[in-house]
Amino acid sequence: MDKIAYCNDLLVRFEEIFYHELSQINARCKVELIGSDFLNDKNIEGDNIDQLVENCIKEIKKNGLVEDMTGKVAGKGILLKLNMKGCVHLPKEAKLKSDGIEPYLCPIANMISEQIISKLNYMTTYSAGLEVNNDTGECVIMCAVYKDMDSIGMVSDWSKE
């Protein structure tokens, strides 16, 4: 039995139901904890967001969840841009797209966001955009990361990043 395929099928069904029940906009903000627990017992450290993200990526790659991955903070410090290749959840995204639903849940991004909040005490983070290319096996996830009240409400044109 392919356990990854089984889990991806479960997530697809969940996302389809959630999407139709709550609409795309409401569904996005309800799924940010899915996948977030995976890194909690890995003792990941970092003195700042760049170090923490890099250490999260090392652990994610070591566990075979992605073949390759990079992450960088940009957009006035409120954008965390994650680039992934060969993610185990790519078949889930392909199935959703074939069913007419734009992917909106990234467990990998949720893992990293949880670490940013719990280890660096950021006020909030959320997945703001998810671009999936099934042909190349690559994903780009844009996460908003807000360290404190002064950063909330800050605006940046992420299309230029």
C-alpha atoms as a PDB file:
ATOM      1  CA  MET A   1       0.000   0.000   0.000  1.00  0.00           C
ATOM      2  CA  ASP A   2       1.280   3.443  -0.917  1.00  0.00           C
ATOM      3  CA  LYS A   3       0.787   5.313   2.356  1.00  0.00           C
ATOM      4  CA  ILE A   4       1.652   8.725   0.866  1.00  0.00           C
ATOM      5  CA  ALA A   5      -0.954   8.258  -1.887  1.00  0.00           C
ATOM      6  CA  TYR A   6      -3.502   7.225   0.732  1.00  0.00           C
ATOM      7  CA  CYS A   7      -2.807  10.327   2.839  1.00  0.00           C
ATOM      8  CA  ASN A   8      -2.904  12.585  -0.221  1.00  0.00           C
ATOM      9  CA  ASP A   9      -6.286  11.098  -1.208  1.00  0.00           C
ATOM     10  CA  LEU A  10      -7.606  11.889   2.267  1.00  0.00           C
ATOM     11  CA  LEU A  11      -6.346  15.459   2.016  1.00  0.00           C
ATOM     12  CA  VAL A  12      -7.864  15.893  -1.455  1.00  0.00           C
ATOM     13  CA  ARG A  13     -11.298  14.850  -0.232  1.00  0.00           C
ATOM     14  CA  PHE A  14     -10.968  17.096   2.824  1.00  0.00           C
ATOM     15  CA  GLU A  15      -9.922  20.085   0.714  1.00  0.00           C
ATOM     16  CA  GLU A  16     -12.720  19.539  -1.812  1.00  0.00           C
ATOM     17  CA  ILE A  17     -15.372  19.400   0.905  1.00  0.00           C
ATOM     18  CA  PHE A  18     -13.906  22.359   2.764  1.00  0.00           C
ATOM     19  CA  TYR A  19     -13.641  24.391  -0.439  1.00  0.00           C
ATOM     20  CA  HIS A  20     -17.295  23.848  -1.322  1.00  0.00           C
ATOM     21  CA  GLU A  21     -18.637  24.230   2.212  1.00  0.00           C
ATOM     22  CA  LEU A  22     -16.742  27.351   3.207  1.00  0.00           C
ATOM     23  CA  SER A  23     -15.853  28.903  -0.155  1.00  0.00           C
ATOM     24  CA  GLN A  24     -12.259  29.354  -1.213  1.00  0.00           C
ATOM     25  CA  ILE A  25     -11.657  32.484   0.850  1.00  0.00           C
ATOM     26  CA  ASN A  26     -12.894  31.056   4.134  1.00  0.00           C
ATOM     27  CA  ALA A  27     -11.280  27.667   3.564  1.00  0.00           C
ATOM     28  CA  ARG A  28      -7.758  29.126   3.324  1.00  0.00           C
ATOM     29  CA  CYS A  29      -7.712  30.535   6.830  1.00  0.00           C
ATOM     30  CA  LYS A  30      -9.065  27.345   8.406  1.00  0.00           C
ATOM     31  CA  VAL A  31      -6.345  24.910   7.339  1.00  0.00           C
ATOM     32  CA  GLU A  32      -3.161  26.517   8.611  1.00  0.00           C
ATOM     33  CA  LEU A  33      -2.556  23.950  11.348  1.00  0.00           C
ATOM     34  CA  ILE A  34      -2.751  20.916   9.059  1.00  0.00           C
ATOM     35  CA  GLY A  35       0.761  19.485   8.946  1.00  0.00           C
ATOM     36  CA  SER A  36       2.117  21.925  11.515  1.00  0.00           C
ATOM     37  CA  ASP A  37       2.921  19.299  14.156  1.00  0.00           C
ATOM     38  CA  PHE A  38       5.498  17.388  12.117  1.00  0.00           C
ATOM     39  CA  LEU A  39       8.504  19.523  13.110  1.00  0.00           C
ATOM     40  CA  ASN A  40       7.478  20.142  16.718  1.00  0.00           C
ATOM     41  CA  ASP A  41       9.558  17.318  18.196  1.00  0.00           C
ATOM     42  CA  LYS A  42      12.610  17.870  15.966  1.00  0.00           C
ATOM     43  CA  ASN A  43      14.274  20.499  18.197  1.00  0.00           C
ATOM     44  CA  ILE A  44      14.783  22.971  15.356  1.00  0.00           C
ATOM     45  CA  GLU A  45      16.543  26.177  16.330  1.00  0.00           C
ATOM     46  CA  GLY A  46      17.445  29.512  14.806  1.00  0.00           C
ATOM     47  CA  ASP A  47      18.272  32.947  16.137  1.00  0.00           C
ATOM     48  CA  ASN A  48      16.311  34.654  13.351  1.00  0.00           C
ATOM     49  CA  ILE A  49      13.795  33.777  10.680  1.00  0.00           C
ATOM     50  CA  ASP A  50      16.433  33.035   8.019  1.00  0.00           C
ATOM     51  CA  GLN A  51      18.269  30.544  10.246  1.00  0.00           C
ATOM     52  CA  LEU A  52      15.065  28.931  11.480  1.00  0.00           C
ATOM     53  CA  VAL A  53      13.648  28.507   7.959  1.00  0.00           C
ATOM     54  CA  GLU A  54      16.938  27.028   6.729  1.00  0.00           C
ATOM     55  CA  ASN A  55      16.969  24.524   9.602  1.00  0.00           C
ATOM     56  CA  CYS A  56      13.323  23.611   8.958  1.00  0.00           C
ATOM     57  CA  ILE A  57      14.139  23.008   5.296  1.00  0.00           C
ATOM     58  CA  LYS A  58      17.069  20.742   6.224  1.00  0.00           C
ATOM     59  CA  GLU A  59      14.773  18.616   8.395  1.00  0.00           C
ATOM     60  CA  ILE A  60      12.010  18.502   5.773  1.00  0.00           C
ATOM     61  CA  LYS A  61      14.497  17.383   3.094  1.00  0.00           C
ATOM     62  CA  LYS A  62      16.132  14.866   5.457  1.00  0.00           C
ATOM     63  CA  ASN A  63      12.731  13.251   6.018  1.00  0.00           C
ATOM     64  CA  GLY A  64      12.086  12.965   2.287  1.00  0.00           C
ATOM     65  CA  LEU A  65       9.067  15.267   2.133  1.00  0.00           C
ATOM     66  CA  VAL A  66      10.658  17.273  -0.704  1.00  0.00           C
ATOM     67  CA  GLU A  67      13.542  16.598  -3.088  1.00  0.00           C
ATOM     68  CA  ASP A  68      14.751  20.183  -2.983  1.00  0.00           C
ATOM     69  CA  MET A  69      13.594  23.350  -1.285  1.00  0.00           C
ATOM     70  CA  THR A  70      14.670  26.923  -0.688  1.00  0.00           C
ATOM     71  CA  GLY A  71      13.207  29.729   1.354  1.00  0.00           C
ATOM     72  CA  LYS A  72      13.909  33.429   1.595  1.00  0.00           C
ATOM     73  CA  VAL A  73      12.437  36.415   3.360  1.00  0.00           C
ATOM     74  CA  ALA A  74      11.673  39.368   1.098  1.00  0.00           C
ATOM     75  CA  GLY A  75       8.970  41.965   0.527  1.00  0.00           C
ATOM     76  CA  LYS A  76       9.902  44.348   3.357  1.00  0.00           C
ATOM     77  CA  GLY A  77      10.373  41.370   5.663  1.00  0.00           C
ATOM     78  CA  ILE A  78       6.760  40.230   5.492  1.00  0.00           C
ATOM     79  CA  LEU A  79       7.079  37.680   2.670  1.00  0.00           C
ATOM     80  CA  LEU A  80       8.473  34.204   3.150  1.00  0.00           C
ATOM     81  CA  LYS A  81       8.831  32.709  -0.314  1.00  0.00           C
ATOM     82  CA  LEU A  82       9.240  28.934  -0.373  1.00  0.00           C
ATOM     83  CA  ASN A  83      10.289  27.111  -3.552  1.00  0.00           C
ATOM     84  CA  MET A  84       9.861  23.345  -3.576  1.00  0.00           C
ATOM     85  CA  LYS A  85      10.594  20.590  -6.019  1.00  0.00           C
ATOM     86  CA  GLY A  86       9.455  16.983  -5.745  1.00  0.00           C
ATOM     87  CA  CYS A  87       7.072  17.435  -2.820  1.00  0.00           C
ATOM     88  CA  VAL A  88       5.214  14.335  -1.628  1.00  0.00           C
ATOM     89  CA  HIS A  89       1.979  16.334  -1.775  1.00  0.00           C
ATOM     90  CA  LEU A  90       2.282  17.273  -5.460  1.00  0.00           C
ATOM     91  CA  PRO A  91      -0.131  14.486  -6.550  1.00  0.00           C
ATOM     92  CA  LYS A  92      -2.712  15.983  -4.166  1.00  0.00           C
ATOM     93  CA  GLU A  93      -2.373  19.355  -5.845  1.00  0.00           C
ATOM     94  CA  ALA A  94      -2.683  17.797  -9.313  1.00  0.00           C
ATOM     95  CA  LYS A  95      -5.892  15.996  -8.325  1.00  0.00           C
ATOM     96  CA  LEU A  96      -7.401  19.176  -6.891  1.00  0.00           C
ATOM     97  CA  LYS A  97      -6.564  21.131 -10.046  1.00  0.00           C
ATOM     98  CA  SER A  98      -8.101  18.411 -12.222  1.00  0.00           C
ATOM     99  CA  ASP A  99     -11.270  18.733 -10.126  1.00  0.00           C
ATOM    100  CA  GLY A 100     -11.360  22.504 -10.738  1.00  0.00           C
ATOM    101  CA  ILE A 101     -10.079  23.579  -7.310  1.00  0.00           C
ATOM    102  CA  GLU A 102      -6.993  25.749  -7.014  1.00  0.00           C
ATOM    103  CA  PRO A 103      -4.704  24.286  -4.332  1.00  0.00           C
ATOM    104  CA  TYR A 104      -4.770  26.247  -1.099  1.00  0.00           C
ATOM    105  CA  LEU A 105      -3.370  23.961   1.611  1.00  0.00           C
ATOM    106  CA  CYS A 106       0.367  23.338   1.964  1.00  0.00           C
ATOM    107  CA  PRO A 107       1.281  21.164   4.965  1.00  0.00           C
ATOM    108  CA  ILE A 108       4.980  21.897   4.374  1.00  0.00           C
ATOM    109  CA  ALA A 109       4.474  25.674   4.590  1.00  0.00           C
ATOM    110  CA  ASN A 110       2.296  25.136   7.664  1.00  0.00           C
ATOM    111  CA  MET A 111       5.160  23.255   9.357  1.00  0.00           C
ATOM    112  CA  ILE A 112       7.509  26.163   8.863  1.00  0.00           C
ATOM    113  CA  SER A 113       4.935  28.788   9.829  1.00  0.00           C
ATOM    114  CA  GLU A 114       4.278  27.005  13.112  1.00  0.00           C
ATOM    115  CA  GLN A 115       7.998  27.018  13.909  1.00  0.00           C
ATOM    116  CA  ILE A 116       8.225  30.758  13.172  1.00  0.00           C
ATOM    117  CA  ILE A 117       5.370  31.491  15.554  1.00  0.00           C
ATOM    118  CA  SER A 118       6.412  29.130  18.336  1.00  0.00           C
ATOM    119  CA  LYS A 119      10.199  29.635  18.244  1.00  0.00           C
ATOM    120  CA  LEU A 120      10.517  33.295  17.231  1.00  0.00           C
ATOM    121  CA  ASN A 121       7.246  34.549  18.746  1.00  0.00           C
ATOM    122  CA  TYR A 122       5.951  36.076  15.527  1.00  0.00           C
ATOM    123  CA  MET A 123       2.414  37.420  15.878  1.00  0.00           C
ATOM    124  CA  THR A 124       0.991  35.583  12.884  1.00  0.00           C
ATOM    125  CA  THR A 125       1.775  33.878   9.604  1.00  0.00           C
ATOM    126  CA  TYR A 126      -0.408  32.559   6.811  1.00  0.00           C
ATOM    127  CA  SER A 127      -0.159  31.097   3.329  1.00  0.00           C
ATOM    128  CA  ALA A 128      -1.042  33.911   0.965  1.00  0.00           C
ATOM    129  CA  GLY A 129      -0.435  32.217  -2.354  1.00  0.00           C
ATOM    130  CA  LEU A 130       0.292  28.797  -3.782  1.00  0.00           C
ATOM    131  CA  GLU A 131       1.485  28.221  -7.340  1.00  0.00           C
ATOM    132  CA  VAL A 132       1.796  24.619  -8.481  1.00  0.00           C
ATOM    133  CA  ASN A 133       3.440  23.463 -11.696  1.00  0.00           C
ATOM    134  CA  ASN A 134       2.681  19.773 -12.140  1.00  0.00           C
ATOM    135  CA  ASP A 135       4.736  19.595 -15.336  1.00  0.00           C
ATOM    136  CA  THR A 136       7.980  20.590 -13.599  1.00  0.00           C
ATOM    137  CA  GLY A 137       7.082  19.199 -10.165  1.00  0.00           C
ATOM    138  CA  GLU A 138       7.634  22.580  -8.552  1.00  0.00           C
ATOM    139  CA  CYS A 139       5.641  24.733  -6.163  1.00  0.00           C
ATOM    140  CA  VAL A 140       6.030  28.304  -4.974  1.00  0.00           C
ATOM    141  CA  ILE A 141       4.342  29.223  -1.720  1.00  0.00           C
ATOM    142  CA  MET A 142       4.146  32.792  -0.506  1.00  0.00           C
ATOM    143  CA  CYS A 143       3.582  33.158   3.209  1.00  0.00           C
ATOM    144  CA  ALA A 144       2.884  36.389   5.019  1.00  0.00           C
ATOM    145  CA  VAL A 145       4.989  36.616   8.171  1.00  0.00           C
ATOM    146  CA  TYR A 146       4.248  39.311  10.712  1.00  0.00           C
ATOM    147  CA  LYS A 147       6.702  39.692  13.569  1.00  0.00           C
ATOM    148  CA  ASP A 148       4.827  42.314  15.582  1.00  0.00           C
ATOM    149  CA  MET A 149       1.999  44.828  15.517  1.00  0.00           C
ATOM    150  CA  ASP A 150       4.141  47.313  13.562  1.00  0.00           C
ATOM    151  CA  SER A 151       4.475  44.874  10.657  1.00  0.00           C
ATOM    152  CA  ILE A 152       0.772  44.010  10.477  1.00  0.00           C
ATOM    153  CA  GLY A 153      -0.800  46.093   7.768  1.00  0.00           C
ATOM    154  CA  MET A 154       2.499  46.591   5.945  1.00  0.00           C
ATOM    155  CA  VAL A 155       2.103  46.255   2.181  1.00  0.00           C
ATOM    156  CA  SER A 156       4.566  44.960  -0.391  1.00  0.00           C
ATOM    157  CA  ASP A 157       4.224  44.117  -4.073  1.00  0.00           C
ATOM    158  CA  TRP A 158       5.135  40.440  -3.994  1.00  0.00           C
ATOM    159  CA  SER A 159       4.888  40.075  -7.770  1.00  0.00           C
ATOM    160  CA  LYS A 160       8.265  41.825  -7.950  1.00  0.00           C
ATOM    161  CA  GLU A 161       9.965  39.419  -5.550  1.00  0.00           C
END
